[in-house]
């Protein structure tokens, strides 16, 4: 089974904030590929959508804990499911708005949600798709992540979300190195 976790914060208050690009990408990917509607699964502390895709069982999960506690949903998923590939999609304050970077076996670079996941599962074979939300040097993450995008940034982000959904599709059907060459 392939598990794709999109990171974000639950609730309307955070819906279109920079920290929620992981949720946005999963929504786009699910809609584009006819996944069923996301449903809250209390056992996993996440909204889940699941189907066979590209010859693989694929489970999409949006943790319904706050960002810094994303590991709670991941711990439950890992404990209960046999996983072949594990992908996390998240925002990255160090990358410019619209930049996509696929990485594997890397540290959290200070991202608290990713850090919580790494503490739970380690980073060996952990594939992450980082999506740029800022890119300015010496910016304090907490001053940025809960803000909405400007109209110009939103235009860039809309294209980035589409491209990231394509990257997920490509990553499911191809080896990691090909996806990195194509989308980094």
Protein backbone atom coordinates (compact mmCIF):
# COMPACT_ATOMS: atom_id res chain seq x y z
CA UNK A 1 0.00 0.00 0.00
CA UNK A 2 1.10 3.56 -0.74
CA UNK A 3 0.23 6.12 1.91
CA UNK A 4 0.27 9.80 1.05
CA UNK A 5 -0.03 12.20 3.97
CA UNK A 6 -0.89 15.83 3.27
CA UNK A 7 0.00 18.06 6.19
CA UNK A 8 -2.14 20.93 7.41
CA UNK A 9 -4.25 22.16 10.29
CA UNK A 10 -7.91 21.13 10.66
CA UNK A 11 -10.79 23.60 10.63
CA UNK A 12 -12.14 26.46 8.54
CA UNK A 13 -9.90 29.01 10.27
CA UNK A 14 -6.82 27.45 8.65
CA UNK A 15 -8.34 26.32 5.35
CA UNK A 16 -6.43 28.56 2.91
CA UNK A 17 -3.33 29.28 4.95
CA UNK A 18 0.20 28.55 3.81
CA UNK A 19 0.55 25.70 6.31
CA UNK A 20 -2.31 23.83 4.58
CA UNK A 21 -0.81 23.29 1.13
CA UNK A 22 -0.48 19.58 1.90
CA UNK A 23 -4.27 19.35 2.32
CA UNK A 24 -4.77 21.40 -0.87
CA UNK A 25 -2.59 19.05 -2.92
CA UNK A 26 -4.38 15.94 -1.64
CA UNK A 27 -7.76 17.50 -2.46
CA UNK A 28 -6.58 18.26 -6.01
CA UNK A 29 -5.00 14.82 -6.48
CA UNK A 30 -8.10 13.05 -5.14
CA UNK A 31 -10.47 15.04 -7.35
CA UNK A 32 -8.34 14.63 -10.47
CA UNK A 33 -8.11 10.87 -9.96
CA UNK A 34 -11.67 10.04 -8.85
CA UNK A 35 -10.86 9.13 -5.26
CA UNK A 36 -13.91 8.93 -3.00
CA UNK A 37 -14.75 11.90 -0.78
CA UNK A 38 -12.52 12.23 2.30
CA UNK A 39 -14.16 10.85 5.44
CA UNK A 40 -13.08 11.27 9.03
CA UNK A 41 -11.60 8.07 10.43
CA UNK A 42 -11.31 8.43 14.20
CA UNK A 43 -9.08 5.35 14.48
CA UNK A 44 -6.46 7.14 12.35
CA UNK A 45 -7.20 10.70 13.58
CA UNK A 46 -7.35 11.67 9.91
CA UNK A 47 -9.63 12.27 6.98
CA UNK A 48 -9.08 9.33 4.65
CA UNK A 49 -9.72 8.58 0.98
CA UNK A 50 -8.65 5.27 -0.51
CA UNK A 51 -8.75 3.47 -3.84
CA UNK A 52 -6.76 1.33 -6.22
CA UNK A 53 -4.74 3.65 -8.44
CA UNK A 54 -2.10 2.82 -11.03
CA UNK A 55 -2.20 -0.83 -9.97
CA UNK A 56 -1.51 0.08 -6.32
CA UNK A 57 -3.67 0.45 -3.22
CA UNK A 58 -3.35 4.14 -2.36
CA UNK A 59 -4.52 5.75 0.86
CA UNK A 60 -4.66 9.54 1.15
CA UNK A 61 -4.67 10.96 4.67
CA UNK A 62 -5.14 14.47 6.05
CA UNK A 63 -4.32 14.35 9.79
CA UNK A 64 -6.96 16.06 11.91
CA UNK A 65 -4.54 16.89 14.69
CA UNK A 66 -2.74 20.20 14.60
CA UNK A 67 0.43 20.34 12.50
CA UNK A 68 2.91 19.76 15.33
CA UNK A 69 1.07 16.54 16.29
CA UNK A 70 0.90 15.00 12.81
CA UNK A 71 2.70 11.95 14.17
CA UNK A 72 -0.47 10.82 15.99
CA UNK A 73 -2.22 9.96 12.70
CA UNK A 74 0.96 8.57 11.15
CA UNK A 75 1.64 6.32 14.16
CA UNK A 76 -1.84 4.83 13.88
CA UNK A 77 -1.58 4.30 10.11
CA UNK A 78 1.85 2.69 10.35
CA UNK A 79 0.75 0.38 13.16
CA UNK A 80 -2.32 -0.88 11.29
CA UNK A 81 -1.31 -1.00 7.61
CA UNK A 82 1.36 -2.69 5.49
CA UNK A 83 3.15 0.14 3.73
CA UNK A 84 5.27 -0.13 0.59
CA UNK A 85 5.76 3.59 -0.02
CA UNK A 86 5.24 6.50 2.37
CA UNK A 87 4.98 10.06 1.02
CA UNK A 88 4.45 13.29 2.97
CA UNK A 89 3.35 16.49 1.20
CA UNK A 90 3.97 19.70 3.14
CA UNK A 91 4.73 23.39 3.07
CA UNK A 92 8.30 24.68 3.23
CA UNK A 93 9.04 28.22 4.38
CA UNK A 94 12.62 28.02 3.00
CA UNK A 95 11.49 27.56 -0.62
CA UNK A 96 10.02 30.36 -2.77
CA UNK A 97 6.28 30.27 -3.43
CA UNK A 98 5.62 27.69 -6.13
CA UNK A 99 8.87 25.72 -5.90
CA UNK A 100 8.49 21.92 -5.58
CA UNK A 101 11.26 19.76 -4.19
CA UNK A 102 11.05 15.97 -3.81
CA UNK A 103 13.44 14.58 -1.20
CA UNK A 104 14.11 11.28 0.54
CA UNK A 105 15.82 10.34 3.81
CA UNK A 106 16.26 13.99 4.86
CA UNK A 107 15.82 15.80 8.17
CA UNK A 108 12.90 18.07 9.01
CA UNK A 109 14.75 21.38 8.44
CA UNK A 110 12.81 22.75 11.40
CA UNK A 111 9.31 21.88 10.13
CA UNK A 112 7.51 20.82 13.32
CA UNK A 113 4.93 18.58 11.60
CA UNK A 114 7.63 16.72 9.67
CA UNK A 115 9.77 16.58 12.80
CA UNK A 116 6.95 14.87 14.71
CA UNK A 117 6.61 12.28 11.93
CA UNK A 118 10.36 11.62 11.79
CA UNK A 119 10.42 11.09 15.57
CA UNK A 120 7.73 8.43 15.09
CA UNK A 121 8.85 6.60 11.94
CA UNK A 122 12.38 7.84 11.26
CA UNK A 123 13.37 9.31 7.92
CA UNK A 124 14.68 6.16 6.23
CA UNK A 125 12.71 5.70 2.99
CA UNK A 126 10.53 8.70 3.88
CA UNK A 127 9.70 10.54 0.67
CA UNK A 128 8.64 14.16 1.04
CA UNK A 129 7.29 16.66 -1.42
CA UNK A 130 8.19 20.12 -0.14
CA UNK A 131 6.14 23.02 -1.50
CA UNK A 132 7.54 26.54 -1.24
CA UNK A 133 5.44 29.08 0.64
CA UNK A 134 7.93 31.92 1.27
CA UNK A 135 11.63 31.70 0.36
CA UNK A 136 12.86 34.86 2.08
CA UNK A 137 15.96 34.56 4.23
CA UNK A 138 15.78 35.00 7.99
CA UNK A 139 11.98 34.81 8.16
CA UNK A 140 10.37 33.43 11.30
CA UNK A 141 8.15 30.47 10.31
CA UNK A 142 5.38 31.37 12.77
CA UNK A 143 5.13 34.82 11.15
CA UNK A 144 4.35 33.18 7.80
CA UNK A 145 2.69 29.76 8.01
CA UNK A 146 -0.75 30.83 9.25
CA UNK A 147 -1.11 33.67 6.74
CA UNK A 148 -3.05 33.44 3.51
CA UNK A 149 -1.42 33.90 0.10
CA UNK A 150 -1.60 37.23 -1.71
CA UNK A 151 -3.63 37.18 -4.97
CA UNK A 152 -0.42 36.98 -7.04
CA UNK A 153 0.97 34.20 -4.85
CA UNK A 154 -2.36 32.36 -5.05
CA UNK A 155 -2.10 32.28 -8.86
CA UNK A 156 1.36 30.72 -8.58
CA UNK A 157 0.16 28.33 -5.88
CA UNK A 158 -2.81 27.15 -7.97
CA UNK A 159 -0.39 26.05 -10.72
CA UNK A 160 1.93 24.52 -8.14
CA UNK A 161 -0.88 22.45 -6.64
CA UNK A 162 -1.74 21.09 -10.09
CA UNK A 163 1.94 20.31 -10.76
CA UNK A 164 2.36 18.66 -7.36
CA UNK A 165 -0.70 16.46 -7.99
CA UNK A 166 0.97 15.46 -11.27
CA UNK A 167 4.19 14.73 -9.35
CA UNK A 168 2.27 12.40 -7.01
CA UNK A 169 0.74 10.61 -9.98
CA UNK A 170 4.20 10.26 -11.55
CA UNK A 171 5.76 9.14 -8.25
CA UNK A 172 3.19 6.38 -7.79
CA UNK A 173 3.79 5.02 -11.29
CA UNK A 174 7.57 5.52 -11.53
CA UNK A 175 10.72 5.21 -9.45
CA UNK A 176 11.69 8.05 -7.13
CA UNK A 177 14.74 9.14 -9.14
CA UNK A 178 12.64 9.68 -12.28
CA UNK A 179 10.17 11.78 -10.29
CA UNK A 180 12.99 13.84 -8.80
CA UNK A 181 14.50 14.45 -12.24
CA UNK A 182 11.11 15.42 -13.67
CA UNK A 183 9.85 17.71 -10.90
CA UNK A 184 12.83 19.10 -8.91
